[in-house]
Amino acid sequence: MNETGRLMVTHASASMDSAHKALFYEIMKKNTGLITLISLVIPGGGQIFLSQYLKGILILIFSWLIVPWLYGIYDAHTTSNNYNKELYMLIFPEPVAITTAPLQIQEQK
C-alpha cells in the first residue's frame, strides 16, 4: 500500500466505531485465496490484481521458465497477506485485549 493509501485509510477509520472499522476492513481486504488462484492459472495475474503491473507483466513474459511462475504464485500470496496485515494495523492501531478467563454473568434481582 502506498503512502497516499495509508493516509486515506487512517483518516477514514479515525472517526469510526469498532463495528464500522470491522466492516471497513472486510470491504478493503484482499482475498488471498482468490489472488493465489488467479496467479496459479494466469502467471502474473495475482500481481496485476494487486496493482503491481510491471511485476505481473514480467512474470507473465518469463513464465515459460517455470521458476518465475512459481515465484509469482508465492509472491501473490505473501503480498496479499502483507497487505491485509498492514490494513488491519492501520484500521485498528490500538491493541485489543484478549482474555481466556470465562465470562461471569451476574443475575440482577
N, C-alpha and C. Protein backbone atom coordinates (compact mmCIF):
# COMPACT_ATOMS: atom_id res chain seq x y z
N MET A 1 0.86 -1.16 0.00
CA MET A 1 0.00 0.00 0.00
C MET A 1 0.91 1.23 0.00
N ASN A 2 0.59 2.19 -0.85
CA ASN A 2 1.41 3.39 -0.94
C ASN A 2 1.05 4.38 0.18
N GLU A 3 1.84 5.43 0.30
CA GLU A 3 1.66 6.39 1.39
C GLU A 3 0.31 7.10 1.32
N THR A 4 -0.16 7.42 0.13
CA THR A 4 -1.47 8.06 -0.02
C THR A 4 -2.57 7.14 0.46
N GLY A 5 -2.48 5.87 0.12
CA GLY A 5 -3.46 4.89 0.57
C GLY A 5 -3.46 4.73 2.07
N ARG A 6 -2.26 4.74 2.67
CA ARG A 6 -2.16 4.63 4.13
C ARG A 6 -2.84 5.82 4.80
N LEU A 7 -2.57 7.01 4.29
CA LEU A 7 -3.18 8.22 4.88
C LEU A 7 -4.69 8.20 4.74
N MET A 8 -5.18 7.77 3.58
CA MET A 8 -6.63 7.74 3.36
C MET A 8 -7.30 6.75 4.30
N VAL A 9 -6.72 5.56 4.47
CA VAL A 9 -7.31 4.56 5.36
C VAL A 9 -7.27 5.03 6.80
N THR A 10 -6.14 5.59 7.23
CA THR A 10 -6.02 6.08 8.60
C THR A 10 -7.01 7.20 8.87
N HIS A 11 -7.13 8.13 7.94
CA HIS A 11 -8.05 9.25 8.10
C HIS A 11 -9.51 8.76 8.09
N ALA A 12 -9.83 7.84 7.21
CA ALA A 12 -11.21 7.36 7.11
C ALA A 12 -11.63 6.59 8.35
N SER A 13 -10.72 5.80 8.92
CA SER A 13 -11.09 4.97 10.06
C SER A 13 -10.97 5.69 11.40
N ALA A 14 -10.42 6.88 11.42
CA ALA A 14 -10.20 7.59 12.68
C ALA A 14 -11.50 7.91 13.41
N SER A 15 -12.54 8.23 12.69
CA SER A 15 -13.79 8.63 13.33
C SER A 15 -14.81 7.50 13.41
N MET A 16 -14.42 6.29 13.11
CA MET A 16 -15.35 5.16 13.12
C MET A 16 -15.34 4.45 14.47
N ASP A 17 -16.49 3.85 14.82
CA ASP A 17 -16.51 2.97 15.98
C ASP A 17 -16.02 1.59 15.54
N SER A 18 -15.89 0.67 16.49
CA SER A 18 -15.28 -0.63 16.18
C SER A 18 -16.09 -1.45 15.18
N ALA A 19 -17.42 -1.35 15.20
CA ALA A 19 -18.23 -2.10 14.25
C ALA A 19 -18.03 -1.59 12.82
N HIS A 20 -17.97 -0.28 12.68
CA HIS A 20 -17.72 0.29 11.35
C HIS A 20 -16.30 -0.01 10.86
N LYS A 21 -15.35 -0.01 11.79
CA LYS A 21 -13.97 -0.35 11.43
C LYS A 21 -13.90 -1.80 10.92
N ALA A 22 -14.60 -2.70 11.60
CA ALA A 22 -14.60 -4.10 11.18
C ALA A 22 -15.21 -4.26 9.79
N LEU A 23 -16.30 -3.55 9.53
CA LEU A 23 -16.93 -3.60 8.21
C LEU A 23 -16.01 -2.99 7.15
N PHE A 24 -15.36 -1.88 7.49
CA PHE A 24 -14.43 -1.23 6.57
C PHE A 24 -13.27 -2.17 6.22
N TYR A 25 -12.75 -2.88 7.24
CA TYR A 25 -11.67 -3.83 7.00
C TYR A 25 -12.12 -4.96 6.07
N GLU A 26 -13.30 -5.49 6.31
CA GLU A 26 -13.81 -6.59 5.47
C GLU A 26 -14.01 -6.15 4.02
N ILE A 27 -14.40 -4.91 3.83
CA ILE A 27 -14.59 -4.40 2.47
C ILE A 27 -13.25 -4.17 1.78
N MET A 28 -12.26 -3.67 2.50
CA MET A 28 -10.98 -3.28 1.91
C MET A 28 -9.98 -4.41 1.75
N LYS A 29 -10.11 -5.49 2.54
CA LYS A 29 -9.08 -6.52 2.50
C LYS A 29 -9.13 -7.30 1.18
N LYS A 30 -8.00 -7.90 0.84
CA LYS A 30 -7.87 -8.68 -0.39
C LYS A 30 -8.10 -10.15 -0.06
N ASN A 31 -8.72 -10.87 -0.98
CA ASN A 31 -8.97 -12.29 -0.82
C ASN A 31 -7.71 -13.05 -1.25
N THR A 32 -6.95 -13.51 -0.28
CA THR A 32 -5.67 -14.16 -0.54
C THR A 32 -5.83 -15.42 -1.37
N GLY A 33 -6.84 -16.22 -1.09
CA GLY A 33 -7.06 -17.45 -1.84
C GLY A 33 -7.37 -17.17 -3.31
N LEU A 34 -8.20 -16.19 -3.56
CA LEU A 34 -8.55 -15.84 -4.94
C LEU A 34 -7.33 -15.31 -5.69
N ILE A 35 -6.55 -14.46 -5.04
CA ILE A 35 -5.36 -13.91 -5.69
C ILE A 35 -4.35 -15.01 -6.00
N THR A 36 -4.19 -15.96 -5.08
CA THR A 36 -3.28 -17.08 -5.32
C THR A 36 -3.79 -17.94 -6.47
N LEU A 37 -5.09 -18.18 -6.53
CA LEU A 37 -5.67 -18.97 -7.62
C LEU A 37 -5.51 -18.27 -8.96
N ILE A 38 -5.73 -16.97 -9.00
CA ILE A 38 -5.53 -16.21 -10.24
C ILE A 38 -4.09 -16.33 -10.70
N SER A 39 -3.16 -16.22 -9.76
CA SER A 39 -1.74 -16.31 -10.10
C SER A 39 -1.35 -17.73 -10.54
N LEU A 40 -2.05 -18.72 -10.04
CA LEU A 40 -1.80 -20.10 -10.45
C LEU A 40 -2.26 -20.35 -11.88
N VAL A 41 -3.42 -19.79 -12.23
CA VAL A 41 -4.00 -20.00 -13.56
C VAL A 41 -3.35 -19.08 -14.60
N ILE A 42 -3.16 -17.82 -14.25
CA ILE A 42 -2.57 -16.84 -15.17
C ILE A 42 -1.29 -16.33 -14.53
N PRO A 43 -0.13 -16.73 -15.01
CA PRO A 43 1.12 -16.24 -14.41
C PRO A 43 1.17 -14.71 -14.39
N GLY A 44 1.40 -14.15 -13.20
CA GLY A 44 1.45 -12.70 -13.05
C GLY A 44 0.09 -12.07 -12.81
N GLY A 45 -0.97 -12.84 -12.91
CA GLY A 45 -2.31 -12.31 -12.72
C GLY A 45 -2.57 -11.80 -11.32
N GLY A 46 -2.01 -12.48 -10.33
CA GLY A 46 -2.16 -12.04 -8.94
C GLY A 46 -1.52 -10.69 -8.70
N GLN A 47 -0.34 -10.50 -9.29
CA GLN A 47 0.35 -9.21 -9.14
C GLN A 47 -0.43 -8.11 -9.85
N ILE A 48 -0.98 -8.41 -11.00
CA ILE A 48 -1.78 -7.41 -11.72
C ILE A 48 -3.03 -7.06 -10.91
N PHE A 49 -3.65 -8.06 -10.29
CA PHE A 49 -4.81 -7.83 -9.44
C PHE A 49 -4.45 -6.95 -8.24
N LEU A 50 -3.20 -7.07 -7.76
CA LEU A 50 -2.73 -6.27 -6.63
C LEU A 50 -2.13 -4.93 -7.07
N SER A 51 -2.32 -4.56 -8.33
CA SER A 51 -1.85 -3.30 -8.91
C SER A 51 -0.34 -3.21 -9.01
N GLN A 52 0.33 -4.34 -9.11
CA GLN A 52 1.77 -4.38 -9.35
C GLN A 52 1.97 -4.80 -10.81
N TYR A 53 1.66 -3.87 -11.70
CA TYR A 53 1.57 -4.18 -13.12
C TYR A 53 2.90 -4.61 -13.74
N LEU A 54 3.97 -3.91 -13.45
CA LEU A 54 5.26 -4.25 -14.05
C LEU A 54 5.71 -5.64 -13.62
N LYS A 55 5.59 -5.93 -12.34
CA LYS A 55 5.97 -7.24 -11.83
C LYS A 55 5.12 -8.34 -12.47
N GLY A 56 3.82 -8.09 -12.60
CA GLY A 56 2.92 -9.07 -13.20
C GLY A 56 3.25 -9.34 -14.66
N ILE A 57 3.56 -8.29 -15.40
CA ILE A 57 3.88 -8.45 -16.83
C ILE A 57 5.21 -9.19 -16.99
N LEU A 58 6.19 -8.88 -16.15
CA LEU A 58 7.48 -9.58 -16.23
C LEU A 58 7.32 -11.06 -15.90
N ILE A 59 6.52 -11.38 -14.90
CA ILE A 59 6.27 -12.78 -14.56
C ILE A 59 5.56 -13.48 -15.72
N LEU A 60 4.62 -12.80 -16.33
CA LEU A 60 3.90 -13.38 -17.47
C LEU A 60 4.85 -13.64 -18.64
N ILE A 61 5.73 -12.70 -18.93
CA ILE A 61 6.66 -12.85 -20.06
C ILE A 61 7.63 -14.01 -19.82
N PHE A 62 8.14 -14.13 -18.59
CA PHE A 62 9.14 -15.15 -18.30
C PHE A 62 8.56 -16.41 -17.67
N SER A 63 7.25 -16.58 -17.67
CA SER A 63 6.64 -17.73 -17.02
C SER A 63 6.97 -19.06 -17.69
N TRP A 64 7.40 -19.03 -18.94
CA TRP A 64 7.75 -20.27 -19.62
C TRP A 64 8.98 -20.92 -18.98
N LEU A 65 9.72 -20.17 -18.15
CA LEU A 65 10.87 -20.72 -17.43
C LEU A 65 10.45 -21.46 -16.15
N ILE A 66 9.19 -21.48 -15.84
CA ILE A 66 8.56 -22.14 -14.69
C ILE A 66 8.93 -21.49 -13.36
N VAL A 67 10.19 -21.20 -13.11
CA VAL A 67 10.60 -20.61 -11.82
C VAL A 67 9.94 -19.26 -11.58
N PRO A 68 9.89 -18.34 -12.56
CA PRO A 68 9.18 -17.08 -12.32
C PRO A 68 7.68 -17.29 -12.07
N TRP A 69 7.11 -18.28 -12.69
CA TRP A 69 5.69 -18.57 -12.47
C TRP A 69 5.46 -19.04 -11.04
N LEU A 70 6.31 -19.96 -10.55
CA LEU A 70 6.20 -20.43 -9.17
C LEU A 70 6.47 -19.30 -8.18
N TYR A 71 7.45 -18.45 -8.50
CA TYR A 71 7.71 -17.28 -7.67
C TYR A 71 6.49 -16.36 -7.65
N GLY A 72 5.85 -16.20 -8.79
CA GLY A 72 4.67 -15.35 -8.88
C GLY A 72 3.54 -15.83 -8.00
N ILE A 73 3.34 -17.14 -7.92
CA ILE A 73 2.30 -17.70 -7.05
C ILE A 73 2.63 -17.39 -5.59
N TYR A 74 3.88 -17.66 -5.22
CA TYR A 74 4.32 -17.38 -3.85
C TYR A 74 4.21 -15.89 -3.53
N ASP A 75 4.69 -15.05 -4.43
CA ASP A 75 4.69 -13.60 -4.22
C ASP A 75 3.27 -13.04 -4.11
N ALA A 76 2.37 -13.52 -4.94
CA ALA A 76 0.98 -13.04 -4.88
C ALA A 76 0.36 -13.37 -3.53
N HIS A 77 0.63 -14.58 -3.05
CA HIS A 77 0.08 -14.99 -1.76
C HIS A 77 0.65 -14.15 -0.61
N THR A 78 1.97 -14.02 -0.56
CA THR A 78 2.58 -13.27 0.54
C THR A 78 2.28 -11.78 0.46
N THR A 79 2.22 -11.22 -0.74
CA THR A 79 1.92 -9.80 -0.88
C THR A 79 0.50 -9.49 -0.42
N SER A 80 -0.46 -10.35 -0.77
CA SER A 80 -1.83 -10.10 -0.32
C SER A 80 -1.97 -10.29 1.19
N ASN A 81 -1.25 -11.24 1.77
CA ASN A 81 -1.26 -11.40 3.22
C ASN A 81 -0.67 -10.17 3.91
N ASN A 82 0.45 -9.68 3.39
CA ASN A 82 1.08 -8.49 3.97
C ASN A 82 0.18 -7.26 3.84
N TYR A 83 -0.52 -7.15 2.70
CA TYR A 83 -1.46 -6.04 2.51
C TYR A 83 -2.55 -6.10 3.58
N ASN A 84 -3.11 -7.29 3.80
CA ASN A 84 -4.17 -7.43 4.79
C ASN A 84 -3.68 -7.13 6.20
N LYS A 85 -2.46 -7.55 6.54
CA LYS A 85 -1.90 -7.27 7.86
C LYS A 85 -1.68 -5.77 8.05
N GLU A 86 -1.14 -5.12 7.03
CA GLU A 86 -0.91 -3.68 7.11
C GLU A 86 -2.23 -2.92 7.22
N LEU A 87 -3.22 -3.34 6.45
CA LEU A 87 -4.54 -2.71 6.51
C LEU A 87 -5.14 -2.85 7.90
N TYR A 88 -5.01 -4.04 8.48
CA TYR A 88 -5.55 -4.26 9.83
C TYR A 88 -4.87 -3.34 10.84
N MET A 89 -3.55 -3.20 10.74
CA MET A 89 -2.83 -2.35 11.69
C MET A 89 -3.16 -0.87 11.50
N LEU A 90 -3.51 -0.47 10.28
CA LEU A 90 -3.91 0.92 10.05
C LEU A 90 -5.30 1.21 10.60
N ILE A 91 -6.19 0.24 10.46
CA ILE A 91 -7.58 0.45 10.91
C ILE A 91 -7.70 0.27 12.42
N PHE A 92 -6.99 -0.70 12.98
CA PHE A 92 -7.04 -0.99 14.41
C PHE A 92 -5.66 -0.76 15.03
N PRO A 93 -5.23 0.51 15.20
CA PRO A 93 -3.87 0.76 15.70
C PRO A 93 -3.69 0.44 17.18
N GLU A 94 -4.74 0.50 17.97
CA GLU A 94 -4.60 0.24 19.40
C GLU A 94 -4.72 -1.26 19.65
N PRO A 95 -3.96 -1.76 20.63
CA PRO A 95 -4.02 -3.19 20.92
C PRO A 95 -5.40 -3.58 21.47
N VAL A 96 -5.80 -4.78 21.17
CA VAL A 96 -7.08 -5.30 21.62
C VAL A 96 -6.82 -6.30 22.73
N ALA A 97 -7.51 -6.14 23.86
CA ALA A 97 -7.33 -7.05 24.98
C ALA A 97 -8.03 -8.37 24.70
N ILE A 98 -7.31 -9.44 24.89
CA ILE A 98 -7.87 -10.77 24.70
C ILE A 98 -7.72 -11.51 26.02
N THR A 99 -8.80 -12.07 26.48
CA THR A 99 -8.78 -12.80 27.75
C THR A 99 -9.22 -14.24 27.53
N THR A 100 -8.67 -15.12 28.33
CA THR A 100 -9.06 -16.53 28.24
C THR A 100 -9.93 -16.93 29.43
N ALA A 101 -10.11 -16.00 30.37
CA ALA A 101 -10.95 -16.28 31.53
C ALA A 101 -12.42 -16.31 31.10
N PRO A 102 -13.18 -17.26 31.64
CA PRO A 102 -14.60 -17.31 31.27
C PRO A 102 -15.36 -16.10 31.81
N LEU A 103 -16.35 -15.66 31.06
CA LEU A 103 -17.19 -14.56 31.48
C LEU A 103 -18.12 -15.00 32.60
N GLN A 104 -18.26 -14.17 33.59
CA GLN A 104 -19.19 -14.46 34.65
C GLN A 104 -20.33 -13.47 34.57
N ILE A 105 -21.51 -13.99 34.40
CA ILE A 105 -22.71 -13.16 34.27
C ILE A 105 -23.42 -13.16 35.61
N GLN A 106 -23.68 -11.95 36.10
CA GLN A 106 -24.39 -11.83 37.37
C GLN A 106 -25.86 -11.57 37.10
N GLU A 107 -26.68 -12.23 37.86
CA GLU A 107 -28.12 -12.02 37.72
C GLU A 107 -28.53 -10.77 38.45
N GLN A 108 -29.46 -10.05 37.84
CA GLN A 108 -30.00 -8.87 38.52
C GLN A 108 -31.25 -9.28 39.26
N LYS A 109 -31.39 -8.78 40.47
CA LYS A 109 -32.55 -9.13 41.29
C LYS A 109 -33.55 -8.02 41.35
